[in-house]
């Protein structure tokens, strides 16, 4: 038995906080954008296809514009030449936004330890979840999406997310 409106109207209404209602809606309606550059991009296609079906987790519609996406999935090797493009895409995404670094190359440069390859996208943009593997299994990507959904439950529409990230491309 509740207090206030719940006491008078019984089970016909639900009361909640605005943050909880919005976070529930956000977490189950992610709009992913894949930045696939190598074999992890191919593996992401299987995550979105029928067998693993990313739509079961509310991330059904893969967007091709950063302005329509709130989840950036970086899949593959990123060169220093691509880094400004990746940073610009991340800057164009609306808040709140999340980033998944998919695979060894996106997370740490993988076995490309040379002068052209970025040694992890976290040098350029903040990363919320890292997915290990070369390439990672689709289940690992789905697990990362579920962890981001859990994180999004703790967000507030009033407070801004931590923006103290300084990458190598930030002035």
C-alpha atoms as a PDB file:
ATOM      1  CA  UNK A   1       0.000   0.000   0.000  1.00  0.00           C
ATOM      2  CA  UNK A   2       1.468   3.276  -1.078  1.00  0.00           C
ATOM      3  CA  UNK A   3       1.000   6.818  -0.015  1.00  0.00           C
ATOM      4  CA  UNK A   4      -0.584   9.696  -1.906  1.00  0.00           C
ATOM      5  CA  UNK A   5      -1.996   8.916  -5.342  1.00  0.00           C
ATOM      6  CA  UNK A   6      -1.106   5.221  -5.073  1.00  0.00           C
ATOM      7  CA  UNK A   7      -3.251   4.866  -1.942  1.00  0.00           C
ATOM      8  CA  UNK A   8      -6.272   6.353  -3.702  1.00  0.00           C
ATOM      9  CA  UNK A   9      -5.915   4.697  -7.108  1.00  0.00           C
ATOM     10  CA  UNK A  10      -4.446   1.294  -6.177  1.00  0.00           C
ATOM     11  CA  UNK A  11      -2.649  -0.685  -8.868  1.00  0.00           C
ATOM     12  CA  UNK A  12      -3.967   1.416 -11.755  1.00  0.00           C
ATOM     13  CA  UNK A  13      -0.996   3.824 -11.646  1.00  0.00           C
ATOM     14  CA  UNK A  14       2.748   3.557 -11.200  1.00  0.00           C
ATOM     15  CA  UNK A  15       4.789   6.277  -9.598  1.00  0.00           C
ATOM     16  CA  UNK A  16       8.497   6.620 -10.212  1.00  0.00           C
ATOM     17  CA  UNK A  17      11.243   9.188 -10.500  1.00  0.00           C
ATOM     18  CA  UNK A  18      11.824  10.927 -13.843  1.00  0.00           C
ATOM     19  CA  UNK A  19      15.445   9.724 -13.932  1.00  0.00           C
ATOM     20  CA  UNK A  20      14.354   6.110 -13.552  1.00  0.00           C
ATOM     21  CA  UNK A  21      11.715   6.349 -16.276  1.00  0.00           C
ATOM     22  CA  UNK A  22      14.080   8.021 -18.763  1.00  0.00           C
ATOM     23  CA  UNK A  23      16.974   5.703 -17.950  1.00  0.00           C
ATOM     24  CA  UNK A  24      14.724   2.679 -18.426  1.00  0.00           C
ATOM     25  CA  UNK A  25      13.683   3.969 -21.849  1.00  0.00           C
ATOM     26  CA  UNK A  26      17.266   4.882 -22.835  1.00  0.00           C
ATOM     27  CA  UNK A  27      18.745   1.582 -21.791  1.00  0.00           C
ATOM     28  CA  UNK A  28      16.309  -0.434 -23.875  1.00  0.00           C
ATOM     29  CA  UNK A  29      16.448   1.779 -26.948  1.00  0.00           C
ATOM     30  CA  UNK A  30      20.127   2.171 -27.786  1.00  0.00           C
ATOM     31  CA  UNK A  31      20.955   3.503 -31.250  1.00  0.00           C
ATOM     32  CA  UNK A  32      24.301   1.967 -32.197  1.00  0.00           C
ATOM     33  CA  UNK A  33      26.639   3.181 -34.891  1.00  0.00           C
ATOM     34  CA  UNK A  34      29.367   0.835 -36.022  1.00  0.00           C
ATOM     35  CA  UNK A  35      32.771   2.246 -36.941  1.00  0.00           C
ATOM     36  CA  UNK A  36      34.091  -0.944 -38.488  1.00  0.00           C
ATOM     37  CA  UNK A  37      37.494  -0.916 -40.111  1.00  0.00           C
ATOM     38  CA  UNK A  38      38.645  -4.531 -40.114  1.00  0.00           C
ATOM     39  CA  UNK A  39      37.648  -8.073 -39.216  1.00  0.00           C
ATOM     40  CA  UNK A  40      35.827  -6.948 -36.044  1.00  0.00           C
ATOM     41  CA  UNK A  41      33.480  -5.001 -38.327  1.00  0.00           C
ATOM     42  CA  UNK A  42      32.603  -8.270 -40.039  1.00  0.00           C
ATOM     43  CA  UNK A  43      32.035  -9.876 -36.653  1.00  0.00           C
ATOM     44  CA  UNK A  44      29.721  -7.015 -35.691  1.00  0.00           C
ATOM     45  CA  UNK A  45      27.567  -7.928 -38.696  1.00  0.00           C
ATOM     46  CA  UNK A  46      26.904 -11.308 -37.110  1.00  0.00           C
ATOM     47  CA  UNK A  47      25.941  -9.563 -33.855  1.00  0.00           C
ATOM     48  CA  UNK A  48      23.295  -7.626 -35.755  1.00  0.00           C
ATOM     49  CA  UNK A  49      22.149 -10.572 -37.867  1.00  0.00           C
ATOM     50  CA  UNK A  50      19.418 -13.058 -37.041  1.00  0.00           C
ATOM     51  CA  UNK A  51      21.397 -15.602 -35.003  1.00  0.00           C
ATOM     52  CA  UNK A  52      22.586 -13.233 -32.271  1.00  0.00           C
ATOM     53  CA  UNK A  53      20.002 -10.526 -32.983  1.00  0.00           C
ATOM     54  CA  UNK A  54      21.097  -7.327 -31.265  1.00  0.00           C
ATOM     55  CA  UNK A  55      17.480  -6.157 -31.403  1.00  0.00           C
ATOM     56  CA  UNK A  56      16.680  -8.419 -28.444  1.00  0.00           C
ATOM     57  CA  UNK A  57      18.650  -5.929 -26.345  1.00  0.00           C
ATOM     58  CA  UNK A  58      16.928  -2.814 -27.634  1.00  0.00           C
ATOM     59  CA  UNK A  59      19.715  -1.850 -30.018  1.00  0.00           C
ATOM     60  CA  UNK A  60      17.951  -2.866 -33.174  1.00  0.00           C
ATOM     61  CA  UNK A  61      18.376   0.021 -35.559  1.00  0.00           C
ATOM     62  CA  UNK A  62      22.004   0.559 -36.517  1.00  0.00           C
ATOM     63  CA  UNK A  63      22.459   4.176 -37.496  1.00  0.00           C
ATOM     64  CA  UNK A  64      24.850   5.534 -40.096  1.00  0.00           C
ATOM     65  CA  UNK A  65      24.800   9.097 -38.842  1.00  0.00           C
ATOM     66  CA  UNK A  66      26.489  10.021 -35.549  1.00  0.00           C
ATOM     67  CA  UNK A  67      23.769  12.578 -34.886  1.00  0.00           C
ATOM     68  CA  UNK A  68      21.230   9.761 -34.646  1.00  0.00           C
ATOM     69  CA  UNK A  69      23.355   7.396 -32.554  1.00  0.00           C
ATOM     70  CA  UNK A  70      24.097   7.174 -28.849  1.00  0.00           C
ATOM     71  CA  UNK A  71      26.284   4.061 -28.870  1.00  0.00           C
ATOM     72  CA  UNK A  72      29.503   4.042 -30.897  1.00  0.00           C
ATOM     73  CA  UNK A  73      30.982   0.609 -31.521  1.00  0.00           C
ATOM     74  CA  UNK A  74      34.558   0.921 -32.765  1.00  0.00           C
ATOM     75  CA  UNK A  75      35.444  -2.371 -34.377  1.00  0.00           C
ATOM     76  CA  UNK A  76      38.882  -2.774 -35.859  1.00  0.00           C
ATOM     77  CA  UNK A  77      42.260  -1.200 -36.265  1.00  0.00           C
ATOM     78  CA  UNK A  78      42.410   2.596 -36.111  1.00  0.00           C
ATOM     79  CA  UNK A  79      45.321   4.366 -37.729  1.00  0.00           C
ATOM     80  CA  UNK A  80      46.600   7.779 -36.699  1.00  0.00           C
ATOM     81  CA  UNK A  81      45.166   9.093 -39.973  1.00  0.00           C
ATOM     82  CA  UNK A  82      41.679   7.830 -38.975  1.00  0.00           C
ATOM     83  CA  UNK A  83      41.892   9.142 -35.423  1.00  0.00           C
ATOM     84  CA  UNK A  84      40.663  12.700 -36.212  1.00  0.00           C
ATOM     85  CA  UNK A  85      37.712  11.208 -38.112  1.00  0.00           C
ATOM     86  CA  UNK A  86      36.825   9.004 -35.154  1.00  0.00           C
ATOM     87  CA  UNK A  87      37.102  11.981 -32.787  1.00  0.00           C
ATOM     88  CA  UNK A  88      34.855  14.082 -35.042  1.00  0.00           C
ATOM     89  CA  UNK A  89      32.231  11.335 -35.174  1.00  0.00           C
ATOM     90  CA  UNK A  90      32.284  11.047 -31.385  1.00  0.00           C
ATOM     91  CA  UNK A  91      31.983  14.834 -31.051  1.00  0.00           C
ATOM     92  CA  UNK A  92      28.920  14.833 -33.327  1.00  0.00           C
ATOM     93  CA  UNK A  93      27.017  12.336 -31.198  1.00  0.00           C
ATOM     94  CA  UNK A  94      24.427  13.732 -28.789  1.00  0.00           C
ATOM     95  CA  UNK A  95      24.695  13.239 -25.037  1.00  0.00           C
ATOM     96  CA  UNK A  96      24.386  10.838 -23.376  1.00  0.00           C
ATOM     97  CA  UNK A  97      26.659   8.702 -25.494  1.00  0.00           C
ATOM     98  CA  UNK A  98      28.595   5.533 -24.919  1.00  0.00           C
ATOM     99  CA  UNK A  99      31.541   3.850 -26.636  1.00  0.00           C
ATOM    100  CA  UNK A 100      32.412   0.179 -26.988  1.00  0.00           C
ATOM    101  CA  UNK A 101      35.957  -0.691 -28.034  1.00  0.00           C
ATOM    102  CA  UNK A 102      35.524  -3.993 -29.846  1.00  0.00           C
ATOM    103  CA  UNK A 103      38.530  -6.246 -30.210  1.00  0.00           C
ATOM    104  CA  UNK A 104      42.219  -6.189 -29.471  1.00  0.00           C
ATOM    105  CA  UNK A 105      43.099  -3.692 -32.229  1.00  0.00           C
ATOM    106  CA  UNK A 106      40.609  -1.037 -31.131  1.00  0.00           C
ATOM    107  CA  UNK A 107      41.460  -1.568 -27.466  1.00  0.00           C
ATOM    108  CA  UNK A 108      45.248  -1.716 -27.615  1.00  0.00           C
ATOM    109  CA  UNK A 109      46.445  -1.671 -31.213  1.00  0.00           C
ATOM    110  CA  UNK A 110      46.531  -5.467 -31.240  1.00  0.00           C
ATOM    111  CA  UNK A 111      49.601  -6.866 -32.902  1.00  0.00           C
ATOM    112  CA  UNK A 112      50.026  -3.679 -34.976  1.00  0.00           C
ATOM    113  CA  UNK A 113      52.676  -2.050 -32.815  1.00  0.00           C
ATOM    114  CA  UNK A 114      54.005   0.394 -35.406  1.00  0.00           C
ATOM    115  CA  UNK A 115      54.137   4.113 -36.151  1.00  0.00           C
ATOM    116  CA  UNK A 116      50.839   4.208 -38.078  1.00  0.00           C
ATOM    117  CA  UNK A 117      48.483   2.412 -35.688  1.00  0.00           C
ATOM    118  CA  UNK A 118      46.734   4.016 -32.753  1.00  0.00           C
ATOM    119  CA  UNK A 119      47.485   1.978 -29.641  1.00  0.00           C
ATOM    120  CA  UNK A 120      43.939   2.037 -28.340  1.00  0.00           C
ATOM    121  CA  UNK A 121      41.038   4.353 -29.134  1.00  0.00           C
ATOM    122  CA  UNK A 122      41.063   5.558 -25.537  1.00  0.00           C
ATOM    123  CA  UNK A 123      43.932   7.824 -26.586  1.00  0.00           C
ATOM    124  CA  UNK A 124      41.370   9.780 -28.633  1.00  0.00           C
ATOM    125  CA  UNK A 125      37.886   9.235 -27.152  1.00  0.00           C
ATOM    126  CA  UNK A 126      36.643   7.933 -23.798  1.00  0.00           C
ATOM    127  CA  UNK A 127      35.680   4.265 -23.786  1.00  0.00           C
ATOM    128  CA  UNK A 128      32.900   2.834 -21.620  1.00  0.00           C
ATOM    129  CA  UNK A 129      33.403  -0.865 -22.369  1.00  0.00           C
ATOM    130  CA  UNK A 130      36.257  -2.912 -23.771  1.00  0.00           C
ATOM    131  CA  UNK A 131      35.569  -6.200 -25.544  1.00  0.00           C
ATOM    132  CA  UNK A 132      38.525  -8.576 -25.642  1.00  0.00           C
ATOM    133  CA  UNK A 133      39.249 -10.917 -28.518  1.00  0.00           C
ATOM    134  CA  UNK A 134      40.601 -11.036 -32.032  1.00  0.00           C
ATOM    135  CA  UNK A 135      37.878 -10.852 -33.188  1.00  0.00           C
ATOM    136  CA  UNK A 136      35.627 -11.120 -30.141  1.00  0.00           C
ATOM    137  CA  UNK A 137      32.697 -13.505 -30.070  1.00  0.00           C
ATOM    138  CA  UNK A 138      29.259 -11.970 -30.657  1.00  0.00           C
ATOM    139  CA  UNK A 139      28.254 -12.961 -27.132  1.00  0.00           C
ATOM    140  CA  UNK A 140      31.016 -10.725 -25.759  1.00  0.00           C
ATOM    141  CA  UNK A 141      29.658  -7.752 -27.702  1.00  0.00           C
ATOM    142  CA  UNK A 142      26.146  -8.435 -26.417  1.00  0.00           C
ATOM    143  CA  UNK A 143      27.570  -8.649 -22.889  1.00  0.00           C
ATOM    144  CA  UNK A 144      29.187  -5.223 -23.337  1.00  0.00           C
ATOM    145  CA  UNK A 145      25.865  -3.777 -24.505  1.00  0.00           C
ATOM    146  CA  UNK A 146      24.154  -5.194 -21.417  1.00  0.00           C
ATOM    147  CA  UNK A 147      26.850  -3.649 -19.169  1.00  0.00           C
ATOM    148  CA  UNK A 148      26.254  -0.268 -20.817  1.00  0.00           C
ATOM    149  CA  UNK A 149      22.526  -0.711 -20.242  1.00  0.00           C
ATOM    150  CA  UNK A 150      23.272  -1.281 -16.556  1.00  0.00           C
ATOM    151  CA  UNK A 151      25.479   1.817 -16.456  1.00  0.00           C
ATOM    152  CA  UNK A 152      22.794   3.929 -18.100  1.00  0.00           C
ATOM    153  CA  UNK A 153      20.428   3.142 -15.206  1.00  0.00           C
ATOM    154  CA  UNK A 154      22.667   5.205 -12.909  1.00  0.00           C
ATOM    155  CA  UNK A 155      22.648   8.291 -15.128  1.00  0.00           C
ATOM    156  CA  UNK A 156      20.836  11.477 -14.251  1.00  0.00           C
ATOM    157  CA  UNK A 157      19.110  13.807 -16.671  1.00  0.00           C
ATOM    158  CA  UNK A 158      20.160  16.744 -14.495  1.00  0.00           C
ATOM    159  CA  UNK A 159      23.836  15.963 -13.957  1.00  0.00           C
ATOM    160  CA  UNK A 160      26.176  15.886 -16.920  1.00  0.00           C
ATOM    161  CA  UNK A 161      28.355  12.849 -17.431  1.00  0.00           C
ATOM    162  CA  UNK A 162      32.006  13.190 -16.539  1.00  0.00           C
ATOM    163  CA  UNK A 163      33.626  15.186 -19.325  1.00  0.00           C
ATOM    164  CA  UNK A 164      37.133  15.541 -17.981  1.00  0.00           C
ATOM    165  CA  UNK A 165      38.553  13.304 -20.708  1.00  0.00           C
ATOM    166  CA  UNK A 166      41.596  14.692 -22.500  1.00  0.00           C
ATOM    167  CA  UNK A 167      42.751  12.759 -25.533  1.00  0.00           C
ATOM    168  CA  UNK A 168      45.788  13.290 -27.713  1.00  0.00           C
ATOM    169  CA  UNK A 169      43.705  15.308 -30.198  1.00  0.00           C
ATOM    170  CA  UNK A 170      42.244  17.657 -27.577  1.00  0.00           C
ATOM    171  CA  UNK A 171      43.904  21.029 -27.387  1.00  0.00           C
END
